[in-house]
Amino acid sequence: MLKYLQNFLGGLGKLEYKFFYSFIILILLVTAIAGVGFTKLEFESDFSEFDPTEVPVVALDKKVGQKFAGFKSFLVIVELDDKRDSDIKDIRDPKVIEFLVELDKALKEEQKIQSVASAGMFFDEDIPETLDDSIKKLDGKQGSEGFFNSRYSMTPIFIDADVSGDSSKINEMNEKVRDIVESTSKPGGIKVAVTGEPPL
């Protein structure tokens, strides 16, 4: 068996050597055809469409899921940008707080966003004038410490949105959240990233 395999591969090698350019053209042609096919591929993240809806248990599960499991959590990370020279050295800086308050307000105006939680909710419209003022105000608010890392270089914004598990709605909401973040004027020296289950 091994001898036949060696003979076959040896013969194939001789053919490739003899018709080198023909094999190159054939490989390029097959790759081009495959490349066209790859553009037609689609990713389906919602496998619930394949569930047998005529089964009572599956139908009931779908009803419950539609009613209670349509919410997805987005996460916006606001952190200091180490690569940029800035006067902002603490994420509790008043300029960052003002950005958080404005972003909270803009996000809450979106109909499908159910709730927004960030350090900005401890300030409302009362923006502190100095970093010390900001620290003092946060010290008096229970739970505020959970919105900052130990080095005070990062703070998260938690967003719950109703996207019903549908991939097109998830993509649409993902774009809306990104657009809102981009359109909110942020101070120099920080960077913002949108993550969480739906974007991933």
Protein backbone atom coordinates (compact mmCIF):
# COMPACT_ATOMS: atom_id res chain seq x y z
CA MET A 1 0.00 0.00 0.00
CA LEU A 2 2.81 2.38 0.96
CA LYS A 3 4.66 1.52 -2.27
CA TYR A 4 1.58 2.38 -4.38
CA LEU A 5 1.19 5.66 -2.50
CA GLN A 6 4.86 6.54 -3.08
CA ASN A 7 4.51 5.71 -6.79
CA PHE A 8 1.35 7.81 -7.07
CA LEU A 9 2.88 10.82 -5.30
CA GLY A 10 6.08 10.45 -7.33
CA GLY A 11 4.08 10.43 -10.55
CA LEU A 12 2.06 13.44 -9.40
CA GLY A 13 5.28 15.28 -8.60
CA LYS A 14 6.63 14.60 -12.09
CA LEU A 15 3.39 15.88 -13.64
CA GLU A 16 3.55 19.06 -11.52
CA TYR A 17 7.16 19.59 -12.57
CA LYS A 18 6.39 18.99 -16.24
CA PHE A 19 3.21 21.13 -16.35
CA PHE A 20 4.26 23.71 -13.73
CA TYR A 21 2.52 26.74 -15.28
CA SER A 22 -0.68 24.77 -15.99
CA PHE A 23 -0.92 23.76 -12.31
CA ILE A 24 -0.36 27.38 -11.19
CA ILE A 25 -3.18 28.59 -13.48
CA LEU A 26 -5.46 25.76 -12.26
CA ILE A 27 -4.78 26.63 -8.59
CA LEU A 28 -5.43 30.35 -9.21
CA LEU A 29 -8.65 29.52 -11.05
CA VAL A 30 -9.94 27.27 -8.23
CA THR A 31 -8.98 29.94 -5.64
CA ALA A 32 -10.85 32.64 -7.59
CA ILE A 33 -13.99 30.48 -7.84
CA ALA A 34 -13.79 29.66 -4.12
CA GLY A 35 -13.28 33.37 -3.32
CA VAL A 36 -16.53 34.27 -5.12
CA GLY A 37 -18.30 31.55 -3.13
CA PHE A 38 -16.96 32.87 0.19
CA THR A 39 -18.66 36.23 -0.40
CA LYS A 40 -22.03 34.43 -0.43
CA LEU A 41 -21.50 32.92 3.02
CA GLU A 42 -23.72 34.27 5.82
CA PHE A 43 -23.40 33.88 9.56
CA GLU A 44 -26.58 33.02 11.45
CA SER A 45 -26.29 33.74 15.17
CA ASP A 46 -29.96 33.12 15.98
CA PHE A 47 -30.36 29.33 15.91
CA SER A 48 -33.87 29.55 17.40
CA GLU A 49 -35.21 29.73 13.82
CA PHE A 50 -34.38 26.02 13.48
CA ASP A 51 -36.39 24.98 16.56
CA PRO A 52 -39.43 22.75 15.86
CA THR A 53 -42.23 25.21 16.75
CA GLU A 54 -44.90 22.49 16.57
CA VAL A 55 -43.50 20.94 19.78
CA PRO A 56 -45.45 22.48 22.73
CA VAL A 57 -42.40 22.78 25.02
CA VAL A 58 -40.38 24.61 22.34
CA ALA A 59 -43.31 26.93 21.55
CA LEU A 60 -43.69 27.78 25.26
CA ASP A 61 -39.94 28.35 25.64
CA LYS A 62 -40.02 30.73 22.67
CA LYS A 63 -42.91 32.71 24.21
CA VAL A 64 -41.10 33.02 27.55
CA GLY A 65 -37.87 33.98 25.77
CA GLN A 66 -39.58 36.70 23.75
CA LYS A 67 -41.18 38.16 26.85
CA PHE A 68 -38.29 38.03 29.32
CA ALA A 69 -35.01 37.32 27.52
CA GLY A 70 -34.97 40.07 24.91
CA PHE A 71 -32.57 42.30 26.83
CA LYS A 72 -28.85 42.39 26.06
CA SER A 73 -26.12 44.19 27.97
CA PHE A 74 -23.73 46.52 26.20
CA LEU A 75 -20.62 47.76 27.96
CA VAL A 76 -18.86 51.04 27.17
CA ILE A 77 -15.34 51.30 28.58
CA VAL A 78 -13.98 54.80 29.21
CA GLU A 79 -10.28 54.88 30.10
CA LEU A 80 -7.26 57.14 30.17
CA ASP A 81 -5.29 57.15 26.93
CA ASP A 82 -1.66 56.49 27.91
CA LYS A 83 -0.48 57.25 24.38
CA ARG A 84 -1.69 60.85 24.50
CA ASP A 85 -0.20 63.68 26.54
CA SER A 86 -3.08 65.11 28.56
CA ASP A 87 -3.78 66.96 31.80
CA ILE A 88 -6.34 64.26 32.68
CA LYS A 89 -4.54 61.86 35.03
CA ASP A 90 -7.56 60.55 36.96
CA ILE A 91 -10.75 59.16 35.39
CA ARG A 92 -12.75 61.11 38.02
CA ASP A 93 -11.61 64.35 36.39
CA PRO A 94 -14.50 66.86 35.94
CA LYS A 95 -14.05 66.79 32.14
CA VAL A 96 -14.59 63.02 32.13
CA ILE A 97 -17.56 63.34 34.51
CA GLU A 98 -19.15 65.89 32.16
CA PHE A 99 -18.64 63.47 29.24
CA LEU A 100 -20.25 60.64 31.25
CA VAL A 101 -23.27 62.79 32.17
CA GLU A 102 -23.78 63.88 28.53
CA LEU A 103 -23.35 60.32 27.26
CA ASP A 104 -25.82 58.98 29.86
CA LYS A 105 -28.37 61.55 28.73
CA ALA A 106 -27.88 60.79 25.02
CA LEU A 107 -28.13 57.02 25.55
CA LYS A 108 -31.33 57.31 27.60
CA GLU A 109 -33.00 59.18 24.72
CA GLU A 110 -32.75 56.03 22.56
CA GLN A 111 -36.12 54.21 22.81
CA LYS A 112 -34.80 50.64 22.88
CA ILE A 113 -32.29 51.37 25.64
CA GLN A 114 -33.98 50.40 28.90
CA SER A 115 -31.36 51.48 31.43
CA VAL A 116 -27.94 53.15 31.67
CA ALA A 117 -25.66 52.93 34.72
CA SER A 118 -22.39 54.83 35.06
CA ALA A 119 -20.50 57.11 37.43
CA GLY A 120 -22.27 60.00 35.71
CA MET A 121 -25.53 59.14 37.49
CA PHE A 122 -24.03 60.35 40.79
CA PHE A 123 -23.73 63.91 39.42
CA ASP A 124 -26.85 64.63 37.33
CA GLU A 125 -26.28 68.12 35.91
CA ASP A 126 -24.12 69.22 38.86
CA ILE A 127 -20.65 68.96 37.27
CA PRO A 128 -17.76 69.44 39.77
CA GLU A 129 -15.23 72.19 39.10
CA THR A 130 -12.12 70.38 40.35
CA LEU A 131 -10.90 66.80 40.79
CA ASP A 132 -11.08 67.24 44.58
CA ASP A 133 -14.74 68.28 44.30
CA SER A 134 -15.43 65.21 42.19
CA ILE A 135 -13.71 62.88 44.68
CA LYS A 136 -15.60 64.41 47.63
CA LYS A 137 -18.96 64.03 45.92
CA LEU A 138 -18.27 60.41 44.99
CA ASP A 139 -17.10 59.57 48.53
CA GLY A 140 -20.57 60.38 49.81
CA LYS A 141 -22.35 58.11 47.29
CA GLN A 142 -22.89 54.47 48.20
CA GLY A 143 -21.82 52.06 45.45
CA SER A 144 -19.82 54.66 43.51
CA GLU A 145 -16.54 52.80 44.17
CA GLY A 146 -17.80 49.95 41.97
CA PHE A 147 -17.61 52.20 38.89
CA PHE A 148 -13.83 52.65 39.00
CA ASN A 149 -10.79 50.39 38.90
CA SER A 150 -8.19 50.59 41.68
CA ARG A 151 -5.90 52.95 39.71
CA TYR A 152 -8.79 55.27 38.72
CA SER A 153 -7.81 54.94 35.08
CA MET A 154 -11.02 53.29 33.83
CA THR A 155 -14.78 53.46 34.34
CA PRO A 156 -17.55 51.38 32.71
CA ILE A 157 -20.99 52.32 31.43
CA PHE A 158 -23.57 49.51 31.61
CA ILE A 159 -26.37 49.60 29.02
CA ASP A 160 -29.41 47.29 28.88
CA ALA A 161 -31.18 47.30 25.51
CA ASP A 162 -34.15 45.39 24.10
CA VAL A 163 -32.86 43.62 20.98
CA SER A 164 -34.92 40.39 21.31
CA GLY A 165 -31.96 38.14 20.42
CA ASP A 166 -32.36 38.91 16.71
CA SER A 167 -28.99 39.33 14.92
CA SER A 168 -30.19 42.22 12.72
CA LYS A 169 -31.55 44.10 15.76
CA ILE A 170 -28.32 43.45 17.66
CA ASN A 171 -26.27 44.88 14.76
CA GLU A 172 -28.60 47.89 14.50
CA MET A 173 -28.39 48.62 18.23
CA ASN A 174 -24.63 48.09 18.20
CA GLU A 175 -24.31 50.76 15.49
CA LYS A 176 -26.65 53.13 17.37
CA VAL A 177 -24.63 52.83 20.58
CA ARG A 178 -21.39 53.45 18.66
CA ASP A 179 -22.94 56.45 16.86
CA ILE A 180 -24.13 57.98 20.16
CA VAL A 181 -20.68 57.48 21.72
CA GLU A 182 -18.94 58.99 18.67
CA SER A 183 -21.30 61.99 18.49
CA THR A 184 -20.84 62.86 22.18
CA SER A 185 -17.96 65.30 22.55
CA LYS A 186 -15.24 63.66 24.61
CA PRO A 187 -12.24 65.38 26.21
CA GLY A 188 -8.73 64.73 24.94
CA GLY A 189 -6.78 62.16 26.90
CA ILE A 190 -9.41 59.43 27.11
CA LYS A 191 -10.42 56.59 24.81
CA VAL A 192 -13.78 54.87 24.56
CA ALA A 193 -14.59 51.29 23.47
CA VAL A 194 -17.96 49.58 23.01
CA THR A 195 -18.04 45.91 24.02
CA GLY A 196 -20.29 43.41 25.79
CA GLU A 197 -22.21 40.33 24.65
CA PRO A 198 -24.02 41.77 21.57
CA PRO A 199 -20.96 43.35 19.89
CA LEU A 200 -18.91 40.18 20.53
